[in-house]
Protein backbone atom coordinates (compact mmCIF):
# COMPACT_ATOMS: atom_id res chain seq x y z
CA MET A 1 75.57 96.16 40.57
CA ALA A 2 74.24 92.78 41.64
CA ARG A 3 77.74 91.86 42.78
CA PHE A 4 77.90 94.99 44.99
CA SER A 5 74.47 94.23 46.43
CA SER A 6 75.51 90.68 47.31
CA SER A 7 78.71 91.87 48.99
CA SER A 8 76.80 94.50 50.93
CA SER A 9 74.28 91.89 52.04
CA ARG A 10 77.04 89.57 53.28
CA SER A 11 78.61 92.48 55.15
CA ARG A 12 75.32 93.32 56.84
CA SER A 13 74.69 89.67 57.70
CA SER A 14 78.10 89.38 59.40
CA LEU A 15 77.68 92.59 61.38
CA PRO A 16 75.74 90.99 64.28
CA TYR A 17 78.52 88.39 64.72
CA ILE A 18 81.18 91.12 64.82
CA ILE A 19 79.16 93.04 67.40
CA LEU A 20 78.69 89.86 69.43
CA LEU A 21 82.43 89.15 69.41
CA PHE A 22 83.18 92.72 70.51
CA VAL A 23 80.67 92.54 73.39
CA ALA A 24 82.06 89.16 74.45
CA ALA A 25 85.62 90.49 74.49
CA LEU A 26 84.54 93.52 76.53
CA PHE A 27 82.66 91.29 78.97
CA VAL A 28 85.70 89.06 79.48
CA PHE A 29 87.87 92.10 80.21
CA LYS A 30 85.37 93.39 82.76
CA ILE A 31 85.24 89.97 84.43
CA ASP A 32 89.05 90.00 84.64
CA VAL A 33 88.93 93.32 86.49
CA ILE A 34 86.20 92.15 88.86
CA ILE A 35 88.07 88.92 89.60
CA SER A 36 91.23 90.89 90.26
CA GLN A 37 89.43 92.79 93.02
CA SER A 38 89.46 89.60 95.07
CA PHE A 39 93.20 89.09 94.89
CA SER A 40 93.92 91.29 97.92
CA SER A 41 91.78 89.27 100.31
CA ALA A 42 92.94 86.04 98.66
CA ARG A 43 96.57 87.05 99.12
CA ARG A 44 95.98 88.04 102.76
CA ASN A 45 94.31 84.67 103.44
CA LEU A 46 97.07 82.82 101.60
CA GLU A 47 99.74 84.33 103.83
CA LYS A 48 97.99 82.92 106.91
CA THR A 49 97.98 79.30 105.74
CA PRO A 50 100.17 76.70 107.51
CA ASN A 51 102.72 76.14 104.73
CA HIS A 52 103.99 79.69 105.08
CA ILE A 53 106.65 79.09 107.69
CA LEU A 54 108.48 81.87 109.49
CA VAL A 55 112.22 81.74 109.02
CA LYS A 56 114.02 81.18 112.33
CA SER A 57 117.55 81.21 113.60
CA LYS A 58 118.92 78.12 115.34
CA SER A 59 118.33 79.66 118.75
CA GLN A 60 114.67 80.20 117.88
CA GLU A 61 113.86 76.76 116.49
CA THR A 62 111.92 75.84 119.62
CA ASP A 63 110.06 79.15 119.76
CA ASP A 64 107.20 79.23 117.25
CA SER A 65 106.32 82.84 117.97
CA THR A 66 109.49 84.72 116.99
CA PRO A 67 110.49 85.45 113.37
CA VAL A 68 114.16 85.79 112.60
CA VAL A 69 115.69 89.26 112.60
CA LEU A 70 119.17 89.22 111.05
CA VAL A 71 121.81 91.83 111.62
CA ASN A 72 123.70 92.81 108.48
CA GLY A 73 122.81 94.68 105.29
CA THR A 74 119.79 96.61 104.11
CA PHE A 75 117.33 93.71 103.89
CA HIS A 76 118.55 92.16 107.16
CA LYS A 77 117.99 95.45 108.95
CA HIS A 78 114.60 96.37 107.57
CA PHE A 79 112.72 93.17 106.70
CA ILE A 80 111.61 89.79 107.99
CA LEU A 81 111.25 86.77 105.68
CA SER A 82 107.72 86.16 106.89
CA TRP A 83 106.47 83.07 105.03
CA GLY A 84 107.42 80.44 102.48
CA ASP A 85 110.00 78.46 104.49
CA ASP A 86 113.37 78.85 102.70
CA ARG A 87 111.89 80.13 99.43
CA GLY A 88 112.77 83.66 100.45
CA LYS A 89 116.52 84.30 100.61
CA ILE A 90 118.81 87.21 101.40
CA HIS A 91 122.08 87.38 99.46
CA GLU A 92 125.13 89.60 98.93
CA ASN A 93 125.57 90.63 102.57
CA GLY A 94 121.97 91.74 102.81
CA GLU A 95 121.79 93.85 99.65
CA LEU A 96 119.79 91.42 97.49
CA LEU A 97 116.60 89.54 98.32
CA THR A 98 114.87 86.89 96.21
CA LEU A 99 111.42 85.34 96.51
CA SER A 100 110.56 82.08 94.81
CA LEU A 101 107.40 80.17 93.98
CA ASP A 102 106.98 76.45 93.36
CA LYS A 103 103.95 74.17 93.33
CA GLN A 104 104.02 73.79 97.13
CA SER A 105 104.19 77.44 98.13
CA GLY A 106 105.16 80.98 97.35
CA SER A 107 107.03 83.30 99.70
CA GLY A 108 107.02 86.79 101.13
CA PHE A 109 108.64 89.37 103.37
CA GLN A 110 107.49 92.32 105.47
CA SER A 111 109.03 95.39 107.06
CA LYS A 112 110.02 95.20 110.70
CA LYS A 113 108.68 98.69 111.32
CA GLU A 114 105.30 100.31 110.77
CA TYR A 115 104.95 103.64 109.00
CA LEU A 116 102.40 106.41 109.26
CA PHE A 117 103.25 108.08 105.92
CA ALA A 118 106.29 107.20 103.88
CA LYS A 119 108.20 107.65 100.64
CA ILE A 120 109.44 104.22 99.56
CA ASP A 121 111.58 103.05 96.64
CA MET A 122 112.36 99.45 95.69
CA GLN A 123 114.13 98.05 92.66
CA ILE A 124 112.48 94.84 91.46
CA LYS A 125 113.25 92.40 88.65
CA LEU A 126 110.12 90.37 87.93
CA VAL A 127 109.73 86.68 87.08
CA PRO A 128 111.18 86.18 83.57
CA GLY A 129 109.84 84.10 80.69
CA ASN A 130 106.43 82.50 80.96
CA SER A 131 105.13 83.99 84.21
CA ALA A 132 101.45 83.23 83.55
CA GLY A 133 99.50 82.54 86.73
CA THR A 134 102.01 84.23 89.03
CA VAL A 135 101.49 87.44 90.97
CA THR A 136 104.29 89.54 92.45
CA THR A 137 103.16 92.12 95.01
CA PHE A 138 104.67 95.22 96.59
CA TYR A 139 102.33 97.07 98.93
CA LEU A 140 101.64 98.89 102.17
CA SER A 141 98.92 97.55 104.44
CA SER A 142 97.49 97.90 107.92
CA GLN A 143 95.69 95.08 109.71
CA GLY A 144 92.05 94.23 110.45
CA ASN A 145 88.77 94.15 108.56
CA LYS A 146 88.80 97.93 108.12
CA HIS A 147 92.36 97.95 106.85
CA ASP A 148 94.05 100.53 104.63
CA GLU A 149 96.20 99.37 101.72
CA ILE A 150 98.25 100.81 98.83
CA ASP A 151 98.98 98.21 96.13
CA PHE A 152 101.43 97.53 93.38
CA GLU A 153 100.52 94.13 91.87
CA PHE A 154 102.32 92.61 88.88
CA LEU A 155 100.21 90.05 87.03
CA GLY A 156 102.34 87.60 85.04
CA ASN A 157 101.68 86.58 81.47
CA SER A 158 102.73 84.10 78.84
CA THR A 159 106.07 84.65 77.12
CA GLY A 160 106.08 87.66 74.83
CA ASN A 161 103.01 89.31 76.34
CA PRO A 162 103.31 92.32 78.66
CA TYR A 163 102.95 92.23 82.41
CA THR A 164 99.86 93.97 83.77
CA LEU A 165 100.63 96.48 86.51
CA HIS A 166 97.61 96.61 88.82
CA THR A 167 97.23 99.44 91.36
CA ASN A 168 94.57 99.81 94.02
CA ILE A 169 93.89 101.80 97.19
CA PHE A 170 91.87 100.65 100.20
CA SER A 171 90.58 102.89 102.95
CA LEU A 172 88.74 101.44 105.95
CA GLY A 173 88.44 98.14 104.10
CA GLN A 174 86.95 99.63 100.96
CA GLY A 175 88.85 99.17 97.69
CA ASN A 176 87.43 99.14 94.14
CA ARG A 177 89.83 101.91 93.10
CA GLU A 178 91.77 100.03 90.44
CA GLN A 179 93.91 101.43 87.68
CA GLN A 180 95.83 99.05 85.42
CA PHE A 181 98.70 99.60 82.99
CA PHE A 182 100.77 97.69 80.48
CA LEU A 183 104.42 98.30 81.26
CA TRP A 184 106.34 100.01 78.44
CA PHE A 185 109.51 97.99 79.04
CA ASP A 186 110.50 94.42 79.86
CA PRO A 187 110.38 94.32 83.69
CA THR A 188 112.17 90.95 83.72
CA ALA A 189 115.31 92.00 81.80
CA ASP A 190 116.63 94.35 84.47
CA TYR A 191 115.74 96.07 87.73
CA HIS A 192 113.28 98.96 87.67
CA THR A 193 112.34 101.27 90.52
CA TYR A 194 108.78 101.15 91.87
CA SER A 195 107.90 103.87 94.37
CA ILE A 196 105.04 104.82 96.66
CA LEU A 197 104.69 108.29 98.15
CA TRP A 198 102.04 108.40 100.86
CA ASN A 199 101.41 111.61 102.78
CA PRO A 200 98.35 113.33 104.28
CA LYS A 201 97.55 115.05 100.97
CA CYS A 202 97.88 112.29 98.40
CA ILE A 203 99.22 108.93 97.30
CA ILE A 204 101.48 108.83 94.24
CA PHE A 205 102.68 105.73 92.38
CA TYR A 206 105.94 106.05 90.42
CA VAL A 207 107.76 103.79 87.95
CA ASP A 208 111.41 104.71 87.40
CA GLY A 209 110.73 108.15 88.87
CA THR A 210 107.81 108.88 86.55
CA PRO A 211 104.39 109.31 88.21
CA ILE A 212 101.76 106.96 86.83
CA ARG A 213 98.95 107.67 89.30
CA GLU A 214 98.03 110.30 91.88
CA TYR A 215 95.20 109.71 94.36
CA LYS A 216 94.13 112.87 96.18
CA ASN A 217 92.84 113.08 99.73
CA ALA A 218 89.09 113.57 99.26
CA GLU A 219 88.05 113.74 102.93
CA LYS A 220 86.49 117.15 102.32
CA ILE A 221 83.82 115.48 100.16
CA GLY A 222 83.29 112.59 102.57
CA VAL A 223 85.70 109.96 101.17
CA PRO A 224 87.88 108.26 103.83
CA PHE A 225 91.63 108.57 103.19
CA PRO A 226 94.41 106.27 104.51
CA LYS A 227 95.60 108.63 107.19
CA TYR A 228 95.16 107.16 110.65
CA GLN A 229 96.30 103.53 110.49
CA PRO A 230 100.03 102.65 110.46
CA MET A 231 101.07 100.28 107.70
CA ARG A 232 103.89 97.83 107.08
CA LEU A 233 105.55 97.26 103.73
CA TYR A 234 104.95 93.79 102.28
CA SER A 235 105.97 91.86 99.21
CA SER A 236 105.07 88.38 98.04
CA LEU A 237 105.24 85.99 95.10
CA TRP A 238 102.36 83.55 94.84
CA ASN A 239 100.23 81.48 92.50
CA ALA A 240 96.85 82.83 91.38
CA ASP A 241 96.28 80.98 88.14
CA ASP A 242 92.56 80.69 88.86
CA TRP A 243 92.21 84.36 87.87
CA ALA A 244 95.51 86.22 87.37
CA THR A 245 96.20 85.68 83.66
CA GLN A 246 93.34 86.28 81.24
CA GLY A 247 90.78 85.48 83.92
CA GLY A 248 92.33 82.11 84.71
CA ARG A 249 92.33 80.84 81.14
CA VAL A 250 96.15 80.62 81.11
CA LYS A 251 97.48 78.40 83.90
CA THR A 252 100.84 78.28 85.66
CA ASN A 253 103.32 75.99 83.93
CA TRP A 254 104.90 74.23 86.91
CA LYS A 255 107.56 72.65 84.70
CA LEU A 256 109.18 76.12 84.71
CA ALA A 257 109.30 76.38 88.52
CA PRO A 258 110.82 77.74 90.61
CA PHE A 259 109.70 81.22 89.59
CA ILE A 260 111.93 83.94 91.06
CA ALA A 261 111.56 87.69 91.64
CA SER A 262 114.52 89.77 92.84
CA TYR A 263 114.77 92.93 94.96
CA LYS A 264 117.53 95.42 95.70
CA ASN A 265 118.28 99.07 96.57
CA PHE A 266 115.48 99.61 99.08
CA THR A 267 115.39 103.22 100.32
CA TYR A 268 112.82 105.10 102.32
CA GLU A 269 111.89 108.22 104.22
CA ALA A 270 109.14 107.59 106.70
CA CYS A 271 107.31 108.55 109.84
CA ILE A 272 108.02 105.52 112.03
CA TYR A 273 105.06 104.51 114.17
CA SER A 274 105.47 103.34 117.76
CA ARG A 275 102.86 101.02 119.27
CA LEU A 276 104.31 101.77 122.69
CA THR A 277 103.53 105.49 122.52
CA SER A 278 100.79 105.35 119.84
CA SER A 279 102.61 108.07 117.94
CA SER A 280 104.85 108.56 114.93
CA SER A 281 108.31 110.09 114.59
CA CYS A 282 106.89 112.99 112.54
CA ASN A 283 104.85 115.88 113.85
CA ILE A 284 102.53 116.31 110.87
CA ASP A 285 100.64 119.13 112.59
CA SER A 286 103.65 121.43 112.57
CA SER A 287 105.37 123.20 109.68
CA PRO A 288 107.73 123.66 108.05
CA PHE A 289 108.68 120.01 107.70
CA GLY A 290 112.38 120.64 107.05
CA ASN A 291 113.93 117.53 105.53
CA ASN A 292 110.49 115.89 105.37
CA ALA A 293 109.27 117.98 102.44
CA TRP A 294 107.79 114.81 100.94
CA LEU A 295 105.08 115.03 103.63
CA THR A 296 103.45 117.90 101.73
CA HIS A 297 104.43 116.92 98.18
CA GLU A 298 101.84 116.86 95.40
CA LEU A 299 102.32 116.70 91.65
CA ASP A 300 102.89 120.08 90.05
CA ARG A 301 101.36 121.01 86.71
CA ARG A 302 104.31 119.75 84.68
CA SER A 303 104.48 116.39 86.47
CA LYS A 304 100.74 115.94 86.18
CA ALA A 305 100.88 116.63 82.44
CA LYS A 306 103.64 114.04 82.08
CA MET A 307 101.52 111.54 84.02
CA LYS A 308 98.48 112.15 81.81
CA ILE A 309 100.52 111.49 78.67
CA LEU A 310 101.74 108.20 80.10
CA GLN A 311 98.23 107.20 81.17
CA LYS A 312 96.87 107.90 77.71
CA LYS A 313 99.45 105.55 76.21
CA TYR A 314 99.59 102.72 78.71
CA MET A 315 96.55 102.73 81.02
CA ILE A 316 94.21 99.85 80.16
CA TYR A 317 91.68 100.28 82.96
CA ASP A 318 90.44 103.14 85.14
CA TYR A 319 87.66 102.60 87.67
CA CYS A 320 86.63 106.23 87.28
CA LYS A 321 85.61 105.55 83.67
CA ASP A 322 83.90 102.19 84.15
CA LYS A 323 80.18 102.70 83.60
CA TRP A 324 79.53 98.97 83.56
CA ARG A 325 80.69 98.36 87.14
CA PHE A 326 79.50 101.74 88.39
CA PRO A 327 76.26 102.55 86.53
CA LYS A 328 75.35 105.25 89.05
CA GLY A 329 78.42 107.21 88.05
CA PRO A 330 82.07 107.43 89.11
CA ALA A 331 83.19 107.53 92.73
CA PRO A 332 83.13 111.00 94.31
CA GLU A 333 86.94 111.22 94.51
CA CYS A 334 87.28 110.79 90.73
CA LYS A 335 86.54 114.49 90.22
CA LEU A 336 89.73 115.33 92.13
CA GLN A 337 92.07 112.89 90.39
């Protein structure tokens, strides 16, 4: 009896330490999420710094204003290697693109055209091995302080630990709509398809054809929706070891550089926006849409059920359920998601 009492006493005495450890772990996770909110503006600032050099043809070497536009293959036709000097490369007659990161700089590319609604697919093979500190991005964005943005962000990790897939949506410069997932496969072993569907009704994120997130247009309850600003498609590979992996506790191992991400099989359907006419190639006010059925697509009941099952297994953060960051309650649009 005395032995039981002593054991029970030790258990009670250790309880406060266990609670303290749990609270500390929760706090660290929350800090990671808050820090990750800053990556979008940090990335946008990074891409404006001087060491991100536009790639130029020989005929353009004396013209600092004109990025190179090549002529063959999918990536030549649709994208510009926009920064990182020669760290971005196009291979295989324009059907493969690689971005690399070393201690001096990362690299990136952007679409030549702007879209006002699109359905985009890209196959990506992420940085293999110890990718801690690195961030690979794939996103749509407009320009300006009140910009719209739709983000896929892949946060690297130490060898053997899963990548974190970070998603976010900005409207009129306002973000804070993060959902994060652990990927259920090794994204460095082979190519996987990451897709964004953006239409006037919703935004849907897909991985290998499976929806992982749907964000509904909530204008009817006063929430701005990315609907009026044309966006380009961007991708980049850059160093963010001050926050990207476990809140900056795990740093980039530069002995492993260069870090390389690979892209292929880009396909899209889109409403191409013209600055000259201030209009898009789609008439979204008329119906039916014919071959542009994606302009009205939303998840049906079966697809939504499949998405919910995946979220239950692999989602590690949802801003709609974060009472610590949003003590006044979830954002208004959460009731529609």
